[in-house]
PDB file of all heavy atoms in Angstrom:
ATOM      1  N   MET A   1     106.887 149.028  40.409  1.00  0.00           N
ATOM      2  CA  MET A   1     106.115 149.438  39.240  1.00  0.00           C
ATOM      3  C   MET A   1     106.572 148.669  37.984  1.00  0.00           C
ATOM      4  O   MET A   1     105.759 148.324  37.124  1.00  0.00           O
ATOM      5  CB  MET A   1     106.282 150.942  39.031  1.00  0.00           C
ATOM      6  CG  MET A   1     105.662 151.781  40.144  1.00  0.00           C
ATOM      7  SD  MET A   1     105.854 153.566  39.910  1.00  0.00           S
ATOM      8  CE  MET A   1     104.745 153.836  38.548  1.00  0.00           C
ATOM      9  N   ASP A   2     107.868 148.387  37.913  1.00  0.00           N
ATOM     10  CA  ASP A   2     108.391 147.649  36.767  1.00  0.00           C
ATOM     11  C   ASP A   2     107.823 146.250  36.709  1.00  0.00           C
ATOM     12  O   ASP A   2     107.527 145.738  35.610  1.00  0.00           O
ATOM     13  CB  ASP A   2     109.903 147.600  36.856  1.00  0.00           C
ATOM     14  CG  ASP A   2     110.528 146.759  35.763  1.00  0.00           C
ATOM     15  OD1 ASP A   2     110.503 147.192  34.602  1.00  0.00           O
ATOM     16  OD2 ASP A   2     111.013 145.633  36.070  1.00  0.00           O
ATOM     17  N   ARG A   3     107.644 145.579  37.871  1.00  0.00           N
ATOM     18  CA  ARG A   3     107.090 144.225  37.864  1.00  0.00           C
ATOM     19  C   ARG A   3     105.646 144.248  37.363  1.00  0.00           C
ATOM     20  O   ARG A   3     105.201 143.308  36.736  1.00  0.00           O
ATOM     21  CB  ARG A   3     107.184 143.631  39.273  1.00  0.00           C
ATOM     22  CG  ARG A   3     108.583 143.151  39.633  1.00  0.00           C
ATOM     23  CD  ARG A   3     108.589 142.237  40.838  1.00  0.00           C
ATOM     24  NE  ARG A   3     108.207 142.939  42.062  1.00  0.00           N
ATOM     25  CZ  ARG A   3     109.051 143.655  42.823  1.00  0.00           C
ATOM     26  NH1 ARG A   3     110.296 143.782  42.446  1.00  0.00           N
ATOM     27  NH2 ARG A   3     108.631 144.229  43.926  1.00  0.00           N
ATOM     28  N   LEU A   4     104.937 145.328  37.680  1.00  0.00           N
ATOM     29  CA  LEU A   4     103.574 145.434  37.139  1.00  0.00           C
ATOM     30  C   LEU A   4     103.578 145.535  35.620  1.00  0.00           C
ATOM     31  O   LEU A   4     102.763 144.935  34.935  1.00  0.00           O
ATOM     32  CB  LEU A   4     102.875 146.686  37.705  1.00  0.00           C
ATOM     33  CG  LEU A   4     102.149 146.549  39.031  1.00  0.00           C
ATOM     34  CD1 LEU A   4     101.486 147.868  39.397  1.00  0.00           C
ATOM     35  CD2 LEU A   4     101.089 145.450  38.973  1.00  0.00           C
ATOM     36  N   VAL A   5     104.546 146.283  35.105  1.00  0.00           N
ATOM     37  CA  VAL A   5     104.667 146.449  33.645  1.00  0.00           C
ATOM     38  C   VAL A   5     104.870 145.102  32.977  1.00  0.00           C
ATOM     39  O   VAL A   5     104.339 144.846  31.896  1.00  0.00           O
ATOM     40  CB  VAL A   5     105.821 147.415  33.299  1.00  0.00           C
ATOM     41  CG1 VAL A   5     106.115 147.410  31.816  1.00  0.00           C
ATOM     42  CG2 VAL A   5     105.461 148.822  33.752  1.00  0.00           C
ATOM     43  N   ARG A   6     105.604 144.203  33.608  1.00  0.00           N
ATOM     44  CA  ARG A   6     105.857 142.890  33.038  1.00  0.00           C
ATOM     45  C   ARG A   6     104.558 142.073  32.918  1.00  0.00           C
ATOM     46  O   ARG A   6     104.467 141.149  32.131  1.00  0.00           O
ATOM     47  CB  ARG A   6     106.873 142.117  33.865  1.00  0.00           C
ATOM     48  CG  ARG A   6     108.293 142.639  33.672  1.00  0.00           C
ATOM     49  CD  ARG A   6     109.300 141.744  34.370  1.00  0.00           C
ATOM     50  NE  ARG A   6     109.316 141.958  35.804  1.00  0.00           N
ATOM     51  CZ  ARG A   6     109.298 140.964  36.695  1.00  0.00           C
ATOM     52  NH1 ARG A   6     109.236 139.708  36.292  1.00  0.00           N
ATOM     53  NH2 ARG A   6     109.323 141.241  37.980  1.00  0.00           N
ATOM     54  N   PHE A   7     103.539 142.448  33.721  1.00  0.00           N
ATOM     55  CA  PHE A   7     102.238 141.792  33.623  1.00  0.00           C
ATOM     56  C   PHE A   7     101.276 142.659  32.808  1.00  0.00           C
ATOM     57  O   PHE A   7     100.058 142.457  32.889  1.00  0.00           O
ATOM     58  CB  PHE A   7     101.669 141.564  35.025  1.00  0.00           C
ATOM     59  CG  PHE A   7     102.309 140.399  35.741  1.00  0.00           C
ATOM     60  CD1 PHE A   7     103.276 140.642  36.721  1.00  0.00           C
ATOM     61  CD2 PHE A   7     101.965 139.098  35.432  1.00  0.00           C
ATOM     62  CE1 PHE A   7     103.875 139.574  37.385  1.00  0.00           C
ATOM     63  CE2 PHE A   7     102.578 138.041  36.104  1.00  0.00           C
ATOM     64  CZ  PHE A   7     103.518 138.274  37.058  1.00  0.00           C
ATOM     65  N   ASN A   8     101.813 143.589  32.012  1.00  0.00           N
ATOM     66  CA  ASN A   8     101.000 144.444  31.148  1.00  0.00           C
ATOM     67  C   ASN A   8     100.002 145.301  31.952  1.00  0.00           C
ATOM     68  O   ASN A   8      98.875 145.505  31.532  1.00  0.00           O
ATOM     69  CB  ASN A   8     100.249 143.625  30.090  1.00  0.00           C
ATOM     70  CG  ASN A   8     101.051 143.513  28.806  1.00  0.00           C
ATOM     71  OD1 ASN A   8     102.175 143.991  28.738  1.00  0.00           O
ATOM     72  ND2 ASN A   8     100.459 142.928  27.802  1.00  0.00           N
ATOM     73  N   VAL A   9     100.447 145.734  33.136  1.00  0.00           N
ATOM     74  CA  VAL A   9      99.631 146.674  33.931  1.00  0.00           C
ATOM     75  C   VAL A   9     100.454 147.929  34.166  1.00  0.00           C
ATOM     76  O   VAL A   9     101.608 147.852  34.585  1.00  0.00           O
ATOM     77  CB  VAL A   9      99.249 146.052  35.294  1.00  0.00           C
ATOM     78  CG1 VAL A   9      98.477 147.049  36.142  1.00  0.00           C
ATOM     79  CG2 VAL A   9      98.412 144.794  35.072  1.00  0.00           C
ATOM     80  N   LEU A  10      99.832 149.073  33.874  1.00  0.00           N
ATOM     81  CA  LEU A  10     100.513 150.344  34.100  1.00  0.00           C
ATOM     82  C   LEU A  10      99.978 150.994  35.372  1.00  0.00           C
ATOM     83  O   LEU A  10      98.768 151.226  35.474  1.00  0.00           O
ATOM     84  CB  LEU A  10     100.280 151.299  32.909  1.00  0.00           C
ATOM     85  CG  LEU A  10     100.906 150.871  31.590  1.00  0.00           C
ATOM     86  CD1 LEU A  10     100.567 151.882  30.511  1.00  0.00           C
ATOM     87  CD2 LEU A  10     102.420 150.744  31.709  1.00  0.00           C
ATOM     88  N   ALA A  11     100.854 151.265  36.328  1.00  0.00           N
ATOM     89  CA  ALA A  11     100.465 151.938  37.550  1.00  0.00           C
ATOM     90  C   ALA A  11     100.789 153.418  37.411  1.00  0.00           C
ATOM     91  O   ALA A  11     101.893 153.787  37.032  1.00  0.00           O
ATOM     92  CB  ALA A  11     101.215 151.341  38.740  1.00  0.00           C
ATOM     93  N   MET A  12      99.817 154.255  37.719  1.00  0.00           N
ATOM     94  CA  MET A  12     100.004 155.686  37.607  1.00  0.00           C
ATOM     95  C   MET A  12     100.811 156.258  38.783  1.00  0.00           C
ATOM     96  O   MET A  12     101.282 157.379  38.737  1.00  0.00           O
ATOM     97  CB  MET A  12      98.645 156.423  37.532  1.00  0.00           C
ATOM     98  CG  MET A  12      97.737 155.898  36.444  1.00  0.00           C
ATOM     99  SD  MET A  12      98.512 155.973  34.810  1.00  0.00           S
ATOM    100  CE  MET A  12      97.266 155.178  33.808  1.00  0.00           C
ATOM    101  N   SER A  13     100.950 155.480  39.859  1.00  0.00           N
ATOM    102  CA  SER A  13     101.710 155.941  41.002  1.00  0.00           C
ATOM    103  C   SER A  13     102.192 154.735  41.819  1.00  0.00           C
ATOM    104  O   SER A  13     101.563 153.671  41.802  1.00  0.00           O
ATOM    105  CB  SER A  13     100.858 156.849  41.894  1.00  0.00           C
ATOM    106  OG  SER A  13      99.858 156.109  42.548  1.00  0.00           O
ATOM    107  N   GLY A  14     103.300 154.929  42.539  1.00  0.00           N
ATOM    108  CA  GLY A  14     103.778 153.897  43.438  1.00  0.00           C
ATOM    109  C   GLY A  14     102.820 153.668  44.597  1.00  0.00           C
ATOM    110  O   GLY A  14     102.735 152.594  45.158  1.00  0.00           O
ATOM    111  N   ARG A  15     102.074 154.738  44.952  1.00  0.00           N
ATOM    112  CA  ARG A  15     101.083 154.620  46.033  1.00  0.00           C
ATOM    113  C   ARG A  15     100.069 153.507  45.725  1.00  0.00           C
ATOM    114  O   ARG A  15      99.679 152.756  46.608  1.00  0.00           O
ATOM    115  CB  ARG A  15     100.368 155.943  46.219  1.00  0.00           C
ATOM    116  CG  ARG A  15      99.355 155.976  47.341  1.00  0.00           C
ATOM    117  CD  ARG A  15      98.498 157.251  47.249  1.00  0.00           C
ATOM    118  NE  ARG A  15      99.326 158.426  47.415  1.00  0.00           N
ATOM    119  CZ  ARG A  15      99.497 159.082  48.559  1.00  0.00           C
ATOM    120  NH1 ARG A  15      98.901 158.641  49.639  1.00  0.00           N
ATOM    121  NH2 ARG A  15     100.241 160.150  48.620  1.00  0.00           N
ATOM    122  N   ALA A  16      99.656 153.428  44.443  1.00  0.00           N
ATOM    123  CA  ALA A  16      98.675 152.420  44.048  1.00  0.00           C
ATOM    124  C   ALA A  16      99.236 151.018  44.193  1.00  0.00           C
ATOM    125  O   ALA A  16      98.545 150.088  44.635  1.00  0.00           O
ATOM    126  CB  ALA A  16      98.208 152.664  42.620  1.00  0.00           C
ATOM    127  N   VAL A  17     100.511 150.843  43.803  1.00  0.00           N
ATOM    128  CA  VAL A  17     101.149 149.529  43.925  1.00  0.00           C
ATOM    129  C   VAL A  17     101.208 149.117  45.389  1.00  0.00           C
ATOM    130  O   VAL A  17     100.928 147.962  45.743  1.00  0.00           O
ATOM    131  CB  VAL A  17     102.568 149.571  43.316  1.00  0.00           C
ATOM    132  CG1 VAL A  17     103.203 148.150  43.363  1.00  0.00           C
ATOM    133  CG2 VAL A  17     102.550 150.086  41.903  1.00  0.00           C
ATOM    134  N   GLU A  18     101.583 150.063  46.233  1.00  0.00           N
ATOM    135  CA  GLU A  18     101.718 149.777  47.657  1.00  0.00           C
ATOM    136  C   GLU A  18     100.357 149.424  48.266  1.00  0.00           C
ATOM    137  O   GLU A  18     100.220 148.472  49.042  1.00  0.00           O
ATOM    138  CB  GLU A  18     102.289 150.999  48.345  1.00  0.00           C
ATOM    139  CG  GLU A  18     102.863 150.717  49.704  1.00  0.00           C
ATOM    140  CD  GLU A  18     103.635 151.915  50.212  1.00  0.00           C
ATOM    141  OE1 GLU A  18     103.008 152.849  50.754  1.00  0.00           O
ATOM    142  OE2 GLU A  18     104.879 151.941  50.052  1.00  0.00           O
ATOM    143  N   ALA A  19      99.316 150.211  47.906  1.00  0.00           N
ATOM    144  CA  ALA A  19      97.969 149.947  48.421  1.00  0.00           C
ATOM    145  C   ALA A  19      97.475 148.564  47.994  1.00  0.00           C
ATOM    146  O   ALA A  19      96.733 147.909  48.735  1.00  0.00           O
ATOM    147  CB  ALA A  19      97.012 151.027  47.956  1.00  0.00           C
ATOM    148  N   ALA A  20      97.879 148.125  46.787  1.00  0.00           N
ATOM    149  CA  ALA A  20      97.433 146.823  46.284  1.00  0.00           C
ATOM    150  C   ALA A  20      97.871 145.687  47.216  1.00  0.00           C
ATOM    151  O   ALA A  20      97.186 144.661  47.309  1.00  0.00           O
ATOM    152  CB  ALA A  20      97.977 146.584  44.888  1.00  0.00           C
ATOM    153  N   GLY A  21      98.982 145.882  47.907  1.00  0.00           N
ATOM    154  CA  GLY A  21      99.453 144.850  48.811  1.00  0.00           C
ATOM    155  C   GLY A  21      98.595 144.646  50.038  1.00  0.00           C
ATOM    156  O   GLY A  21      98.719 143.640  50.724  1.00  0.00           O
ATOM    157  N   ASP A  22      97.708 145.601  50.329  1.00  0.00           N
ATOM    158  CA  ASP A  22      96.854 145.532  51.523  1.00  0.00           C
ATOM    159  C   ASP A  22      95.356 145.494  51.200  1.00  0.00           C
ATOM    160  O   ASP A  22      94.531 145.747  52.069  1.00  0.00           O
ATOM    161  CB  ASP A  22      97.140 146.732  52.445  1.00  0.00           C
ATOM    162  CG  ASP A  22      98.516 146.628  53.103  1.00  0.00           C
ATOM    163  OD1 ASP A  22      98.925 145.512  53.426  1.00  0.00           O
ATOM    164  OD2 ASP A  22      99.160 147.667  53.262  1.00  0.00           O
ATOM    165  N   VAL A  23      95.008 145.184  49.939  1.00  0.00           N
ATOM    166  CA  VAL A  23      93.605 145.209  49.530  1.00  0.00           C
ATOM    167  C   VAL A  23      92.789 144.141  50.304  1.00  0.00           C
ATOM    168  O   VAL A  23      93.223 143.011  50.478  1.00  0.00           O
ATOM    169  CB  VAL A  23      93.482 144.957  48.009  1.00  0.00           C
ATOM    170  CG1 VAL A  23      92.075 144.535  47.607  1.00  0.00           C
ATOM    171  CG2 VAL A  23      93.878 146.205  47.246  1.00  0.00           C
ATOM    172  N   ASP A  24      91.596 144.567  50.757  1.00  0.00           N
ATOM    173  CA  ASP A  24      90.693 143.649  51.478  1.00  0.00           C
ATOM    174  C   ASP A  24      89.495 143.264  50.641  1.00  0.00           C
ATOM    175  O   ASP A  24      88.976 142.167  50.737  1.00  0.00           O
ATOM    176  CB  ASP A  24      90.172 144.305  52.758  1.00  0.00           C
ATOM    177  CG  ASP A  24      91.277 144.736  53.691  1.00  0.00           C
ATOM    178  OD1 ASP A  24      91.951 143.846  54.201  1.00  0.00           O
ATOM    179  OD2 ASP A  24      91.467 145.944  53.885  1.00  0.00           O
ATOM    180  N   THR A  25      89.005 144.194  49.808  1.00  0.00           N
ATOM    181  CA  THR A  25      87.777 143.992  49.039  1.00  0.00           C
ATOM    182  C   THR A  25      88.009 144.360  47.593  1.00  0.00           C
ATOM    183  O   THR A  25      88.650 145.369  47.301  1.00  0.00           O
ATOM    184  CB  THR A  25      86.633 144.863  49.610  1.00  0.00           C
ATOM    185  OG1 THR A  25      86.495 144.583  51.000  1.00  0.00           O
ATOM    186  CG2 THR A  25      85.319 144.561  48.887  1.00  0.00           C
ATOM    187  N   LEU A  26      87.482 143.550  46.693  1.00  0.00           N
ATOM    188  CA  LEU A  26      87.582 143.817  45.252  1.00  0.00           C
ATOM    189  C   LEU A  26      86.176 143.925  44.675  1.00  0.00           C
ATOM    190  O   LEU A  26      85.385 142.996  44.785  1.00  0.00           O
ATOM    191  CB  LEU A  26      88.349 142.692  44.534  1.00  0.00           C
ATOM    192  CG  LEU A  26      88.302 142.709  43.008  1.00  0.00           C
ATOM    193  CD1 LEU A  26      88.884 143.981  42.445  1.00  0.00           C
ATOM    194  CD2 LEU A  26      89.019 141.476  42.448  1.00  0.00           C
ATOM    195  N   LEU A  27      85.867 145.071  44.088  1.00  0.00           N
ATOM    196  CA  LEU A  27      84.612 145.290  43.399  1.00  0.00           C
ATOM    197  C   LEU A  27      84.844 145.150  41.918  1.00  0.00           C
ATOM    198  O   LEU A  27      85.777 145.743  41.369  1.00  0.00           O
ATOM    199  CB  LEU A  27      84.027 146.667  43.707  1.00  0.00           C
ATOM    200  CG  LEU A  27      83.917 147.061  45.178  1.00  0.00           C
ATOM    201  CD1 LEU A  27      83.275 148.440  45.314  1.00  0.00           C
ATOM    202  CD2 LEU A  27      83.134 146.028  45.973  1.00  0.00           C
ATOM    203  N   LEU A  28      84.004 144.373  41.240  1.00  0.00           N
ATOM    204  CA  LEU A  28      84.186 144.132  39.799  1.00  0.00           C
ATOM    205  C   LEU A  28      82.891 144.421  39.058  1.00  0.00           C
ATOM    206  O   LEU A  28      81.825 143.898  39.399  1.00  0.00           O
ATOM    207  CB  LEU A  28      84.593 142.687  39.528  1.00  0.00           C
ATOM    208  CG  LEU A  28      85.834 142.151  40.223  1.00  0.00           C
ATOM    209  CD1 LEU A  28      85.418 141.205  41.337  1.00  0.00           C
ATOM    210  CD2 LEU A  28      86.770 141.445  39.251  1.00  0.00           C
TER     211      LEU A  28
END
């Protein structure tokens, strides 16, 4: 979570950081 903060991104949970490592699809 701290490494995300260094990129000016706030994660509301560690679960979200972990899920980001396995993302398959990005909707924008």
